[in-house]
Structure formats: C-alpha cells, structure tokens
Amino acid sequence: MGSYKIAEARRAKGWSQADLAKHIGTTQQQIARYESGANDVKSSVLIKLSSTLGVTISYLLGVDSDSGYIEAIPARSYALPIVGRIAAGSAREAIEQAGETRQTTEELYQEHPNAFWLTVAGNSMNRLFAEGTLVLIDPDEEVRNGDVAALFVNGDDATIKRVYFDGKSVTLVPESYDVEYMSRTIDRSDPEAPAVRMIGKAVAYTSPVNWRA
C-alpha cells in the first residue's frame, strides 16, 4: 500500500477528515483509509486531492517534502510523479502507480511545475504515442480546440485524445493507424450524456519505459 501525506496537507488547511471527504465527494471512512495507507489512492482521486488541498501530486506521494515545489536533484533534473496509466483506446479507469517518478528536464519543470506523467495504454493514439509512452500532463494549462488532452469521461474513466469543441459539444478524436478507432462526440447539454472533465493538456512526451531501438 502507498504512503501519502494527505493528513499533513489536510491539517494544514484546518480541515477534519469529514471536511475533506465532503470536498472531494467521498466518505470520512475512505479518507481515513487513504491517510493510514490501508487503501491505495487512484489517479483520479490524487488529482482531486491535489487540486482541493492546493498541493502538488509529488507532495502527496511523498516525493517532495515541500508542498509548493518539486526539489531539484543534482543533474538539474526534477522527479515528477507517474500517477497512473491512461487509455489510448476506449475510456477506462486510470490504474494507480503511486510512488513512481520520472526524471524531467529543468526547462520542462520550470514551465510546468505541477505537471505529472501518465503512461499510455492502447493504440488509439499510436500516430503520436506508442503504447507505454509517458505523456506529461499539465493540469494548469487550458485545453483549447485541437489540443491533445487527458480527460475523464463518465466519472473516473480516463482517456487521452485530441479534443475539439463546438458550442456545448466536445469531440474526442483518435490519432491511430488502426481504422477501428472512431471519433466520439459528446453533447454536454444532454443530461443523459456522460460527463466530461479535463484533467490537463499534454505538453510533452518521452519514450516508453525500457524502450530499445
């Protein structure tokens, strides 16, 4: 199980476990399990906690001792967290990988200090990202028309797609060599349509872990 700094960040805001539970839409008992390490924290919950508590994901994962920035290491690179896998196929729940990090250049860190890495799973974006590619997601960057972004569809189902906006509709477009993957348009004015929530904009990527030429 993971070791998290949720309780420390919560107390810094003067909140009880019940207060935090209300803010992120869960129960006090679940917060207690997260804080004790009895339950691992899913990627989607880590993102909510980071935003709600005003600290970085690195801090919550124990990568950093300071809640506001990520400490440099000697080679002028920074350890940014890998918070899970994200579907480049049909949307599915992101898989938690708490505790893993990726060394990231100083330039990227300076431009995107609150960013985190997600590992691509599937082939719907393989024109851009091979399966296993790490994509750097910045939750502070506005997702604009035509950007590649990570997003939640229907709650905690996470995917990465190129995104187009048209009024109240959002279209998720795959970038794949496989013709079976089709664009999907969601009308956000339709109460029966799945909810769409942006996680952040894709700002960089790197080769899959253990990649060899």
N, C-alpha and C. Protein backbone atom coordinates (compact mmCIF):
# COMPACT_ATOMS: atom_id res chain seq x y z
N MET A 1 0.83 -1.19 0.00
CA MET A 1 0.00 0.00 0.00
C MET A 1 0.87 1.25 0.00
N GLY A 2 0.32 2.36 -0.45
CA GLY A 2 1.09 3.59 -0.57
C GLY A 2 1.27 4.30 0.74
N SER A 3 2.19 5.25 0.73
CA SER A 3 2.42 6.12 1.88
C SER A 3 2.20 7.54 1.39
N TYR A 4 1.19 8.21 1.94
CA TYR A 4 0.77 9.51 1.42
C TYR A 4 0.84 10.57 2.51
N LYS A 5 0.87 11.83 2.07
CA LYS A 5 0.89 12.96 3.00
C LYS A 5 -0.44 13.70 3.00
N ILE A 6 -1.52 12.95 2.85
CA ILE A 6 -2.84 13.56 2.79
C ILE A 6 -3.20 14.21 4.12
N ALA A 7 -2.96 13.50 5.22
CA ALA A 7 -3.32 14.03 6.54
C ALA A 7 -2.58 15.34 6.82
N GLU A 8 -1.30 15.37 6.47
CA GLU A 8 -0.49 16.57 6.71
C GLU A 8 -1.06 17.76 5.93
N ALA A 9 -1.40 17.54 4.66
CA ALA A 9 -1.96 18.62 3.84
C ALA A 9 -3.34 19.03 4.34
N ARG A 10 -4.13 18.05 4.78
CA ARG A 10 -5.47 18.35 5.30
C ARG A 10 -5.38 19.20 6.56
N ARG A 11 -4.50 18.81 7.49
CA ARG A 11 -4.38 19.56 8.74
C ARG A 11 -3.88 20.98 8.49
N ALA A 12 -3.04 21.15 7.48
CA ALA A 12 -2.53 22.49 7.15
C ALA A 12 -3.66 23.43 6.75
N LYS A 13 -4.75 22.88 6.24
CA LYS A 13 -5.92 23.70 5.90
C LYS A 13 -6.91 23.81 7.04
N GLY A 14 -6.63 23.10 8.14
CA GLY A 14 -7.53 23.14 9.27
C GLY A 14 -8.79 22.34 9.09
N TRP A 15 -8.73 21.32 8.24
CA TRP A 15 -9.90 20.51 7.95
C TRP A 15 -9.89 19.20 8.71
N SER A 16 -11.09 18.72 9.02
CA SER A 16 -11.24 17.36 9.54
C SER A 16 -11.31 16.39 8.37
N GLN A 17 -11.25 15.09 8.68
CA GLN A 17 -11.41 14.10 7.62
C GLN A 17 -12.78 14.23 6.95
N ALA A 18 -13.79 14.55 7.74
CA ALA A 18 -15.13 14.72 7.19
C ALA A 18 -15.19 15.92 6.25
N ASP A 19 -14.48 17.00 6.60
CA ASP A 19 -14.44 18.18 5.73
C ASP A 19 -13.84 17.82 4.37
N LEU A 20 -12.70 17.12 4.40
CA LEU A 20 -12.05 16.76 3.14
C LEU A 20 -12.92 15.81 2.33
N ALA A 21 -13.55 14.87 3.01
CA ALA A 21 -14.43 13.92 2.32
C ALA A 21 -15.54 14.66 1.57
N LYS A 22 -16.11 15.67 2.21
CA LYS A 22 -17.19 16.44 1.59
C LYS A 22 -16.69 17.17 0.34
N HIS A 23 -15.47 17.70 0.42
CA HIS A 23 -14.92 18.47 -0.70
C HIS A 23 -14.65 17.60 -1.93
N ILE A 24 -14.29 16.34 -1.73
CA ILE A 24 -13.95 15.50 -2.90
C ILE A 24 -15.03 14.45 -3.20
N GLY A 25 -16.11 14.47 -2.43
CA GLY A 25 -17.23 13.58 -2.74
C GLY A 25 -17.03 12.14 -2.34
N THR A 26 -16.49 11.92 -1.13
CA THR A 26 -16.34 10.56 -0.63
C THR A 26 -16.74 10.53 0.84
N THR A 27 -16.37 9.49 1.56
CA THR A 27 -16.74 9.35 2.96
C THR A 27 -15.56 9.61 3.88
N GLN A 28 -15.86 9.93 5.14
CA GLN A 28 -14.80 10.11 6.13
C GLN A 28 -14.01 8.82 6.31
N GLN A 29 -14.71 7.69 6.25
CA GLN A 29 -14.04 6.40 6.41
C GLN A 29 -13.02 6.15 5.29
N GLN A 30 -13.38 6.56 4.07
CA GLN A 30 -12.45 6.38 2.95
C GLN A 30 -11.23 7.28 3.12
N ILE A 31 -11.43 8.51 3.56
CA ILE A 31 -10.30 9.41 3.82
C ILE A 31 -9.38 8.79 4.87
N ALA A 32 -9.95 8.23 5.92
CA ALA A 32 -9.15 7.60 6.97
C ALA A 32 -8.32 6.45 6.40
N ARG A 33 -8.90 5.67 5.48
CA ARG A 33 -8.16 4.56 4.88
C ARG A 33 -7.03 5.07 3.99
N TYR A 34 -7.29 6.15 3.25
CA TYR A 34 -6.23 6.75 2.43
C TYR A 34 -5.08 7.23 3.31
N GLU A 35 -5.41 7.92 4.39
CA GLU A 35 -4.39 8.52 5.25
C GLU A 35 -3.57 7.46 5.98
N SER A 36 -4.20 6.36 6.33
CA SER A 36 -3.48 5.30 7.04
C SER A 36 -2.66 4.42 6.11
N GLY A 37 -2.92 4.55 4.80
CA GLY A 37 -2.25 3.69 3.83
C GLY A 37 -2.93 2.35 3.65
N ALA A 38 -4.10 2.17 4.27
CA ALA A 38 -4.83 0.91 4.13
C ALA A 38 -5.33 0.71 2.70
N ASN A 39 -5.67 1.82 2.02
CA ASN A 39 -6.12 1.77 0.63
C ASN A 39 -5.19 2.60 -0.23
N ASP A 40 -4.81 2.08 -1.40
CA ASP A 40 -4.09 2.90 -2.37
C ASP A 40 -5.05 3.94 -2.95
N VAL A 41 -4.48 5.05 -3.39
CA VAL A 41 -5.28 6.15 -3.93
C VAL A 41 -5.22 6.11 -5.45
N LYS A 42 -6.38 6.04 -6.09
CA LYS A 42 -6.43 6.02 -7.55
C LYS A 42 -5.95 7.35 -8.12
N SER A 43 -5.52 7.32 -9.37
CA SER A 43 -5.05 8.53 -10.03
C SER A 43 -6.09 9.64 -9.99
N SER A 44 -7.34 9.30 -10.27
CA SER A 44 -8.40 10.31 -10.30
C SER A 44 -8.56 10.98 -8.95
N VAL A 45 -8.41 10.21 -7.86
CA VAL A 45 -8.54 10.78 -6.52
C VAL A 45 -7.33 11.63 -6.18
N LEU A 46 -6.13 11.19 -6.58
CA LEU A 46 -4.93 12.00 -6.36
C LEU A 46 -5.06 13.37 -7.00
N ILE A 47 -5.59 13.40 -8.21
CA ILE A 47 -5.76 14.67 -8.92
C ILE A 47 -6.75 15.56 -8.17
N LYS A 48 -7.86 14.99 -7.69
CA LYS A 48 -8.83 15.76 -6.91
C LYS A 48 -8.21 16.28 -5.63
N LEU A 49 -7.46 15.43 -4.93
CA LEU A 49 -6.85 15.83 -3.67
C LEU A 49 -5.84 16.95 -3.88
N SER A 50 -5.04 16.84 -4.92
CA SER A 50 -4.04 17.87 -5.22
C SER A 50 -4.71 19.21 -5.44
N SER A 51 -5.77 19.22 -6.25
CA SER A 51 -6.48 20.46 -6.54
C SER A 51 -7.18 21.02 -5.31
N THR A 52 -7.83 20.15 -4.54
CA THR A 52 -8.60 20.58 -3.38
C THR A 52 -7.71 21.09 -2.25
N LEU A 53 -6.61 20.41 -2.02
CA LEU A 53 -5.73 20.76 -0.90
C LEU A 53 -4.69 21.81 -1.28
N GLY A 54 -4.56 22.10 -2.57
CA GLY A 54 -3.62 23.12 -3.01
C GLY A 54 -2.17 22.72 -2.88
N VAL A 55 -1.89 21.42 -3.07
CA VAL A 55 -0.51 20.92 -3.02
C VAL A 55 -0.24 20.11 -4.29
N THR A 56 1.02 19.84 -4.55
CA THR A 56 1.37 19.07 -5.74
C THR A 56 1.13 17.58 -5.51
N ILE A 57 0.96 16.85 -6.60
CA ILE A 57 0.84 15.40 -6.50
C ILE A 57 2.13 14.81 -5.96
N SER A 58 3.27 15.39 -6.33
CA SER A 58 4.55 14.93 -5.80
C SER A 58 4.56 14.96 -4.28
N TYR A 59 4.02 16.03 -3.72
CA TYR A 59 3.98 16.17 -2.26
C TYR A 59 3.10 15.08 -1.65
N LEU A 60 1.91 14.87 -2.22
CA LEU A 60 1.00 13.86 -1.68
C LEU A 60 1.61 12.46 -1.74
N LEU A 61 2.43 12.21 -2.76
CA LEU A 61 3.07 10.90 -2.91
C LEU A 61 4.31 10.74 -2.06
N GLY A 62 4.73 11.84 -1.41
CA GLY A 62 5.92 11.78 -0.58
C GLY A 62 7.21 11.93 -1.36
N VAL A 63 7.11 12.34 -2.65
CA VAL A 63 8.31 12.59 -3.45
C VAL A 63 9.01 13.84 -2.96
N ASP A 64 8.22 14.82 -2.49
CA ASP A 64 8.73 16.10 -2.04
C ASP A 64 8.41 16.35 -0.58
N SER A 65 9.27 17.07 0.09
CA SER A 65 8.99 17.50 1.46
C SER A 65 8.29 18.84 1.47
N ASP A 66 8.32 19.57 0.37
CA ASP A 66 7.70 20.89 0.29
C ASP A 66 6.46 20.80 -0.58
N SER A 67 5.36 21.34 -0.09
CA SER A 67 4.10 21.20 -0.81
C SER A 67 4.01 22.09 -2.03
N GLY A 68 4.88 23.10 -2.14
CA GLY A 68 4.71 24.07 -3.20
C GLY A 68 5.63 23.89 -4.39
N TYR A 69 6.66 23.11 -4.27
CA TYR A 69 7.55 22.92 -5.40
C TYR A 69 8.21 21.55 -5.34
N ILE A 70 8.83 21.19 -6.45
CA ILE A 70 9.49 19.88 -6.54
C ILE A 70 10.99 20.10 -6.48
N GLU A 71 11.64 19.49 -5.55
CA GLU A 71 13.04 19.75 -5.27
C GLU A 71 13.95 19.23 -6.39
N ALA A 72 14.91 20.05 -6.77
CA ALA A 72 15.85 19.66 -7.81
C ALA A 72 16.77 18.57 -7.30
N ILE A 73 17.25 17.72 -8.21
CA ILE A 73 18.28 16.75 -7.88
C ILE A 73 19.55 17.15 -8.63
N PRO A 74 20.70 16.60 -8.34
CA PRO A 74 21.97 17.14 -8.82
C PRO A 74 22.09 17.35 -10.32
N ALA A 75 21.54 16.56 -11.19
CA ALA A 75 21.77 16.71 -12.63
C ALA A 75 20.89 17.77 -13.27
N ARG A 76 20.38 18.69 -12.48
CA ARG A 76 19.49 19.74 -12.96
C ARG A 76 18.26 19.13 -13.62
N SER A 77 17.78 18.07 -13.06
CA SER A 77 16.52 17.48 -13.48
C SER A 77 15.66 17.32 -12.24
N TYR A 78 14.39 17.03 -12.47
CA TYR A 78 13.42 17.01 -11.38
C TYR A 78 12.61 15.72 -11.44
N ALA A 79 12.28 15.19 -10.28
CA ALA A 79 11.47 13.97 -10.21
C ALA A 79 10.00 14.35 -10.21
N LEU A 80 9.33 14.12 -11.34
CA LEU A 80 7.90 14.35 -11.42
C LEU A 80 7.18 13.00 -11.35
N PRO A 81 6.03 12.95 -10.70
CA PRO A 81 5.37 11.67 -10.46
C PRO A 81 4.73 11.06 -11.70
N ILE A 82 4.76 9.73 -11.76
CA ILE A 82 3.94 8.97 -12.71
C ILE A 82 2.71 8.54 -11.91
N VAL A 83 1.55 9.12 -12.23
CA VAL A 83 0.39 8.87 -11.37
C VAL A 83 -0.50 7.74 -11.87
N GLY A 84 -0.25 7.20 -13.06
CA GLY A 84 -1.07 6.08 -13.49
C GLY A 84 -0.98 5.86 -14.98
N ARG A 85 -1.80 4.92 -15.46
CA ARG A 85 -1.91 4.63 -16.89
C ARG A 85 -3.19 5.26 -17.40
N ILE A 86 -3.17 5.68 -18.66
CA ILE A 86 -4.36 6.29 -19.24
C ILE A 86 -4.65 5.64 -20.58
N ALA A 87 -5.92 5.43 -20.86
CA ALA A 87 -6.30 4.68 -22.05
C ALA A 87 -6.13 5.49 -23.31
N ALA A 88 -5.42 4.93 -24.28
CA ALA A 88 -5.43 5.42 -25.65
C ALA A 88 -6.18 4.37 -26.44
N GLY A 89 -7.43 4.27 -26.15
CA GLY A 89 -8.36 3.29 -26.69
C GLY A 89 -9.71 3.74 -26.18
N SER A 90 -10.56 2.84 -25.77
CA SER A 90 -11.79 3.24 -25.12
C SER A 90 -11.45 3.74 -23.72
N ALA A 91 -12.27 4.67 -23.22
CA ALA A 91 -12.01 5.21 -21.89
C ALA A 91 -12.11 4.11 -20.85
N ARG A 92 -11.20 4.15 -19.89
CA ARG A 92 -11.26 3.19 -18.80
C ARG A 92 -10.61 3.83 -17.59
N GLU A 93 -10.81 3.22 -16.44
CA GLU A 93 -10.28 3.81 -15.22
C GLU A 93 -8.76 3.80 -15.23
N ALA A 94 -8.17 4.95 -14.88
CA ALA A 94 -6.72 5.02 -14.78
C ALA A 94 -6.24 4.08 -13.68
N ILE A 95 -5.10 3.43 -13.90
CA ILE A 95 -4.56 2.46 -12.95
C ILE A 95 -3.50 3.13 -12.10
N GLU A 96 -3.67 3.08 -10.79
CA GLU A 96 -2.75 3.77 -9.89
C GLU A 96 -1.36 3.17 -9.89
N GLN A 97 -0.35 4.03 -9.97
CA GLN A 97 1.04 3.61 -9.87
C GLN A 97 1.76 4.53 -8.89
N ALA A 98 1.16 4.80 -7.77
CA ALA A 98 1.71 5.75 -6.81
C ALA A 98 3.13 5.37 -6.42
N GLY A 99 3.99 6.36 -6.31
CA GLY A 99 5.35 6.13 -5.86
C GLY A 99 6.38 6.13 -6.97
N GLU A 100 5.96 5.97 -8.24
CA GLU A 100 6.91 6.01 -9.34
C GLU A 100 7.14 7.44 -9.79
N THR A 101 8.36 7.73 -10.25
CA THR A 101 8.68 9.06 -10.75
C THR A 101 9.47 8.95 -12.05
N ARG A 102 9.58 10.07 -12.74
CA ARG A 102 10.38 10.14 -13.97
C ARG A 102 11.22 11.41 -13.90
N GLN A 103 12.52 11.28 -14.15
CA GLN A 103 13.37 12.46 -14.16
C GLN A 103 13.00 13.34 -15.36
N THR A 104 12.84 14.62 -15.10
CA THR A 104 12.30 15.56 -16.07
C THR A 104 13.22 16.77 -16.16
N THR A 105 13.41 17.30 -17.34
CA THR A 105 14.36 18.39 -17.51
C THR A 105 13.95 19.63 -16.73
N GLU A 106 14.95 20.41 -16.38
CA GLU A 106 14.69 21.66 -15.66
C GLU A 106 13.78 22.58 -16.47
N GLU A 107 13.99 22.64 -17.78
CA GLU A 107 13.18 23.51 -18.63
C GLU A 107 11.70 23.14 -18.56
N LEU A 108 11.40 21.84 -18.66
CA LEU A 108 10.00 21.40 -18.57
C LEU A 108 9.43 21.68 -17.19
N TYR A 109 10.22 21.42 -16.16
CA TYR A 109 9.73 21.67 -14.81
C TYR A 109 9.42 23.15 -14.60
N GLN A 110 10.30 24.03 -15.06
CA GLN A 110 10.08 25.46 -14.87
C GLN A 110 8.80 25.92 -15.57
N GLU A 111 8.50 25.34 -16.72
CA GLU A 111 7.30 25.71 -17.46
C GLU A 111 6.04 25.05 -16.91
N HIS A 112 6.20 23.87 -16.31
CA HIS A 112 5.03 23.09 -15.88
C HIS A 112 5.29 22.47 -14.50
N PRO A 113 5.42 23.28 -13.45
CA PRO A 113 5.83 22.76 -12.14
C PRO A 113 4.84 21.80 -11.50
N ASN A 114 3.57 21.86 -11.87
CA ASN A 114 2.57 20.98 -11.26
C ASN A 114 2.19 19.81 -12.17
N ALA A 115 2.95 19.62 -13.23
CA ALA A 115 2.64 18.55 -14.18
C ALA A 115 2.97 17.18 -13.61
N PHE A 116 2.42 16.15 -14.25
CA PHE A 116 2.69 14.77 -13.87
C PHE A 116 2.64 13.90 -15.12
N TRP A 117 3.27 12.74 -15.02
CA TRP A 117 3.33 11.82 -16.16
C TRP A 117 2.20 10.79 -16.10
N LEU A 118 1.65 10.46 -17.25
CA LEU A 118 0.72 9.35 -17.40
C LEU A 118 1.28 8.40 -18.46
N THR A 119 1.10 7.11 -18.24
CA THR A 119 1.58 6.09 -19.19
C THR A 119 0.45 5.71 -20.14
N VAL A 120 0.71 5.78 -21.44
CA VAL A 120 -0.30 5.47 -22.44
C VAL A 120 -0.51 3.96 -22.54
N ALA A 121 -1.77 3.55 -22.51
CA ALA A 121 -2.14 2.15 -22.69
C ALA A 121 -3.10 2.05 -23.87
N GLY A 122 -2.79 1.22 -24.85
CA GLY A 122 -3.67 1.08 -26.01
C GLY A 122 -3.09 1.76 -27.24
N ASN A 123 -3.84 1.68 -28.36
CA ASN A 123 -3.30 2.10 -29.66
C ASN A 123 -4.10 3.18 -30.36
N SER A 124 -5.07 3.78 -29.71
CA SER A 124 -5.90 4.77 -30.42
C SER A 124 -5.17 6.08 -30.68
N MET A 125 -3.98 6.26 -30.06
CA MET A 125 -3.19 7.47 -30.30
C MET A 125 -1.80 7.12 -30.83
N ASN A 126 -1.68 5.95 -31.49
CA ASN A 126 -0.33 5.48 -31.83
C ASN A 126 0.35 6.23 -32.97
N ARG A 127 -0.35 7.13 -33.64
CA ARG A 127 0.34 8.03 -34.58
C ARG A 127 1.23 9.01 -33.81
N LEU A 128 0.85 9.28 -32.58
CA LEU A 128 1.61 10.20 -31.73
C LEU A 128 2.38 9.48 -30.64
N PHE A 129 1.70 8.53 -29.96
CA PHE A 129 2.27 7.89 -28.77
C PHE A 129 2.17 6.37 -28.88
N ALA A 130 3.30 5.70 -28.91
CA ALA A 130 3.28 4.24 -28.84
C ALA A 130 2.80 3.81 -27.46
N GLU A 131 2.27 2.58 -27.39
CA GLU A 131 1.85 2.07 -26.09
C GLU A 131 3.05 2.05 -25.14
N GLY A 132 2.83 2.54 -23.93
CA GLY A 132 3.90 2.63 -22.94
C GLY A 132 4.57 3.99 -22.89
N THR A 133 4.28 4.85 -23.86
CA THR A 133 4.85 6.20 -23.86
C THR A 133 4.39 6.96 -22.62
N LEU A 134 5.30 7.73 -22.05
CA LEU A 134 4.95 8.61 -20.94
C LEU A 134 4.60 9.99 -21.50
N VAL A 135 3.41 10.48 -21.15
CA VAL A 135 2.95 11.79 -21.61
C VAL A 135 2.86 12.71 -20.40
N LEU A 136 3.44 13.90 -20.53
CA LEU A 136 3.42 14.87 -19.44
C LEU A 136 2.15 15.70 -19.53
N ILE A 137 1.37 15.69 -18.46
CA ILE A 137 0.08 16.37 -18.41
C ILE A 137 0.17 17.55 -17.45
N ASP A 138 -0.22 18.74 -17.92
CA ASP A 138 -0.21 19.93 -17.07
C ASP A 138 -1.66 20.30 -16.74
N PRO A 139 -2.08 20.14 -15.48
CA PRO A 139 -3.46 20.46 -15.11
C PRO A 139 -3.73 21.96 -15.08
N ASP A 140 -2.67 22.78 -15.13
CA ASP A 140 -2.84 24.23 -15.10
C ASP A 140 -3.00 24.84 -16.49
N GLU A 141 -2.71 24.07 -17.53
CA GLU A 141 -2.81 24.58 -18.90
C GLU A 141 -4.26 24.46 -19.40
N GLU A 142 -4.78 25.53 -19.97
CA GLU A 142 -6.11 25.49 -20.56
C GLU A 142 -6.11 24.57 -21.78
N VAL A 143 -7.11 23.71 -21.86
CA VAL A 143 -7.25 22.84 -23.03
C VAL A 143 -8.06 23.58 -24.08
N ARG A 144 -7.43 23.84 -25.22
CA ARG A 144 -8.07 24.59 -26.29
C ARG A 144 -8.40 23.68 -27.47
N ASN A 145 -9.17 24.24 -28.39
CA ASN A 145 -9.61 23.48 -29.56
C ASN A 145 -8.42 22.90 -30.31
N GLY A 146 -8.44 21.58 -30.52
CA GLY A 146 -7.38 20.91 -31.25
C GLY A 146 -6.23 20.41 -30.42
N ASP A 147 -6.24 20.70 -29.11
CA ASP A 147 -5.17 20.21 -28.23
C ASP A 147 -5.33 18.72 -27.96
N VAL A 148 -4.23 18.07 -27.64
CA VAL A 148 -4.26 16.71 -27.10
C VAL A 148 -4.35 16.84 -25.59
N ALA A 149 -5.31 16.13 -25.00
CA ALA A 149 -5.56 16.29 -23.57
C ALA A 149 -5.94 14.97 -22.93
N ALA A 150 -5.68 14.89 -21.63
CA ALA A 150 -6.18 13.80 -20.80
C ALA A 150 -7.49 14.27 -20.18
N LEU A 151 -8.45 13.38 -20.11
CA LEU A 151 -9.75 13.77 -19.59
C LEU A 151 -10.47 12.59 -18.97
N PHE A 152 -11.41 12.93 -18.10
CA PHE A 152 -12.30 11.94 -17.53
C PHE A 152 -13.60 11.95 -18.32
N VAL A 153 -14.09 10.77 -18.66
CA VAL A 153 -15.39 10.61 -19.30
C VAL A 153 -16.23 9.72 -18.40
N ASN A 154 -17.39 10.23 -18.00
CA ASN A 154 -18.30 9.44 -17.17
C ASN A 154 -17.68 9.10 -15.82
N GLY A 155 -17.23 10.14 -15.12
CA GLY A 155 -16.70 9.92 -13.78
C GLY A 155 -15.21 9.71 -13.78
N ASP A 156 -14.76 8.49 -13.47
CA ASP A 156 -13.34 8.20 -13.32
C ASP A 156 -12.75 7.44 -14.50
N ASP A 157 -13.46 7.37 -15.64
CA ASP A 157 -12.92 6.73 -16.84
C ASP A 157 -11.99 7.72 -17.53
N ALA A 158 -10.71 7.40 -17.60
CA ALA A 158 -9.71 8.33 -18.11
C ALA A 158 -9.25 7.93 -19.50
N THR A 159 -9.06 8.92 -20.37
CA THR A 159 -8.58 8.66 -21.72
C THR A 159 -7.74 9.84 -22.18
N ILE A 160 -7.00 9.65 -23.27
CA ILE A 160 -6.24 10.74 -23.89
C ILE A 160 -6.61 10.79 -25.36
N LYS A 161 -6.99 11.97 -25.83
CA LYS A 161 -7.45 12.15 -27.20
C LYS A 161 -7.17 13.59 -27.64
N ARG A 162 -7.24 13.83 -28.96
CA ARG A 162 -7.27 15.20 -29.44
C ARG A 162 -8.71 15.70 -29.27
N VAL A 163 -8.85 16.93 -28.80
CA VAL A 163 -10.16 17.43 -28.37
C VAL A 163 -10.57 18.63 -29.22
N TYR A 164 -11.82 18.59 -29.67
CA TYR A 164 -12.39 19.72 -30.41
C TYR A 164 -13.70 20.14 -29.73
N PHE A 165 -13.89 21.44 -29.63
CA PHE A 165 -15.08 21.99 -29.00
C PHE A 165 -15.95 22.67 -30.05
N ASP A 166 -17.26 22.48 -29.94
CA ASP A 166 -18.22 23.13 -30.83
C ASP A 166 -19.47 23.43 -30.02
N GLY A 167 -19.55 24.66 -29.52
CA GLY A 167 -20.66 25.01 -28.65
C GLY A 167 -20.63 24.16 -27.39
N LYS A 168 -21.70 23.43 -27.15
CA LYS A 168 -21.78 22.58 -25.96
C LYS A 168 -21.33 21.15 -26.23
N SER A 169 -20.81 20.90 -27.42
CA SER A 169 -20.34 19.56 -27.75
C SER A 169 -18.82 19.49 -27.68
N VAL A 170 -18.32 18.32 -27.32
CA VAL A 170 -16.88 18.06 -27.35
C VAL A 170 -16.66 16.77 -28.13
N THR A 171 -15.73 16.81 -29.06
CA THR A 171 -15.42 15.64 -29.89
C THR A 171 -14.04 15.13 -29.55
N LEU A 172 -13.96 13.84 -29.26
CA LEU A 172 -12.71 13.18 -28.92
C LEU A 172 -12.22 12.43 -30.16
N VAL A 173 -11.06 12.83 -30.66
CA VAL A 173 -10.57 12.31 -31.93
C VAL A 173 -9.32 11.47 -31.71
N PRO A 174 -9.34 10.19 -32.12
CA PRO A 174 -8.14 9.36 -32.02
C PRO A 174 -7.13 9.74 -33.09
N GLU A 175 -5.87 9.42 -32.85
CA GLU A 175 -4.80 9.62 -33.85
C GLU A 175 -4.12 8.26 -34.01
N SER A 176 -4.76 7.38 -34.81
CA SER A 176 -4.33 5.99 -34.85
C SER A 176 -4.16 5.48 -36.28
N TYR A 177 -3.22 4.54 -36.43
CA TYR A 177 -3.07 3.83 -37.70
C TYR A 177 -4.16 2.77 -37.85
N ASP A 178 -4.85 2.47 -36.78
CA ASP A 178 -5.89 1.44 -36.77
C ASP A 178 -7.24 2.11 -37.02
N VAL A 179 -7.88 1.76 -38.14
CA VAL A 179 -9.12 2.44 -38.55
C VAL A 179 -10.31 2.08 -37.66
N GLU A 180 -10.15 1.11 -36.77
CA GLU A 180 -11.28 0.74 -35.92
C GLU A 180 -11.60 1.83 -34.90
N TYR A 181 -10.65 2.71 -34.63
CA TYR A 181 -10.88 3.77 -33.65
C TYR A 181 -11.58 4.94 -34.32
N MET A 182 -12.72 5.33 -33.76
CA MET A 182 -13.57 6.36 -34.34
C MET A 182 -13.67 7.56 -33.41
N SER A 183 -13.93 8.72 -34.01
CA SER A 183 -14.19 9.92 -33.20
C SER A 183 -15.49 9.74 -32.42
N ARG A 184 -15.56 10.42 -31.29
CA ARG A 184 -16.76 10.35 -30.45
C ARG A 184 -17.16 11.76 -30.06
N THR A 185 -18.39 12.14 -30.35
CA THR A 185 -18.90 13.46 -29.99
C THR A 185 -19.87 13.33 -28.82
N ILE A 186 -19.65 14.15 -27.81
CA ILE A 186 -20.50 14.14 -26.61
C ILE A 186 -21.17 15.50 -26.49
N ASP A 187 -22.49 15.50 -26.44
CA ASP A 187 -23.27 16.72 -26.28
C ASP A 187 -23.43 17.00 -24.79
N ARG A 188 -22.70 17.97 -24.29
CA ARG A 188 -22.71 18.22 -22.85
C ARG A 188 -24.00 18.87 -22.37
N SER A 189 -24.86 19.30 -23.29
CA SER A 189 -26.17 19.83 -22.89
C SER A 189 -27.19 18.72 -22.68
N ASP A 190 -26.86 17.51 -23.10
CA ASP A 190 -27.76 16.36 -22.96
C ASP A 190 -27.58 15.76 -21.56
N PRO A 191 -28.63 15.78 -20.73
CA PRO A 191 -28.49 15.25 -19.37
C PRO A 191 -28.18 13.76 -19.33
N GLU A 192 -28.44 13.05 -20.42
CA GLU A 192 -28.15 11.62 -20.48
C GLU A 192 -26.72 11.33 -20.95
N ALA A 193 -26.03 12.35 -21.44
CA ALA A 193 -24.67 12.14 -21.96
C ALA A 193 -23.68 11.97 -20.82
N PRO A 194 -22.61 11.22 -21.03
CA PRO A 194 -21.60 11.07 -19.97
C PRO A 194 -20.91 12.40 -19.67
N ALA A 195 -20.59 12.61 -18.41
CA ALA A 195 -19.90 13.84 -18.01
C ALA A 195 -18.47 13.82 -18.55
N VAL A 196 -17.99 15.00 -18.96
CA VAL A 196 -16.62 15.15 -19.45
C VAL A 196 -15.91 16.18 -18.58
N ARG A 197 -14.73 15.82 -18.08
CA ARG A 197 -13.94 16.76 -17.27
C ARG A 197 -12.48 16.66 -17.67
N MET A 198 -11.89 17.79 -18.01
CA MET A 198 -10.50 17.81 -18.43
C MET A 198 -9.57 17.57 -17.24
N ILE A 199 -8.58 16.71 -17.43
CA ILE A 199 -7.51 16.52 -16.44
C ILE A 199 -6.40 17.53 -16.71
N GLY A 200 -6.02 17.68 -17.97
CA GLY A 200 -4.98 18.63 -18.32
C GLY A 200 -4.51 18.43 -19.75
N LYS A 201 -3.70 19.37 -20.19
CA LYS A 201 -3.18 19.37 -21.55
C LYS A 201 -1.88 18.57 -21.63
N ALA A 202 -1.73 17.80 -22.71
CA ALA A 202 -0.47 17.11 -22.96
C ALA A 202 0.56 18.12 -23.45
N VAL A 203 1.68 18.23 -22.74
CA VAL A 203 2.67 19.25 -23.06
C VAL A 203 4.01 18.66 -23.49
N ALA A 204 4.22 17.37 -23.29
CA ALA A 204 5.47 16.72 -23.69
C ALA A 204 5.26 15.21 -23.60
N TYR A 205 6.17 14.46 -24.20
CA TYR A 205 6.14 13.00 -24.06
C TYR A 205 7.55 12.47 -24.18
N THR A 206 7.73 11.23 -23.73
CA THR A 206 9.04 10.61 -23.79
C THR A 206 8.87 9.14 -24.14
N SER A 207 9.94 8.49 -24.53
CA SER A 207 9.89 7.10 -24.98
C SER A 207 9.34 6.18 -23.91
N PRO A 208 8.73 5.07 -24.32
CA PRO A 208 8.26 4.09 -23.34
C PRO A 208 9.39 3.63 -22.43
N VAL A 209 9.02 3.29 -21.19
CA VAL A 209 9.99 2.75 -20.25
C VAL A 209 10.59 1.47 -20.83
N ASN A 210 11.92 1.31 -20.72
CA ASN A 210 12.65 0.14 -21.23
C ASN A 210 12.62 0.03 -22.76
N TRP A 211 12.34 1.17 -23.45
CA TRP A 211 12.34 1.16 -24.90
C TRP A 211 13.74 0.92 -25.44
N ARG A 212 13.84 0.11 -26.51
CA ARG A 212 15.13 -0.13 -27.17
C ARG A 212 14.96 -0.01 -28.68
N ALA A 213 15.96 0.56 -29.35
CA ALA A 213 15.91 0.68 -30.81
C ALA A 213 16.15 -0.68 -31.46
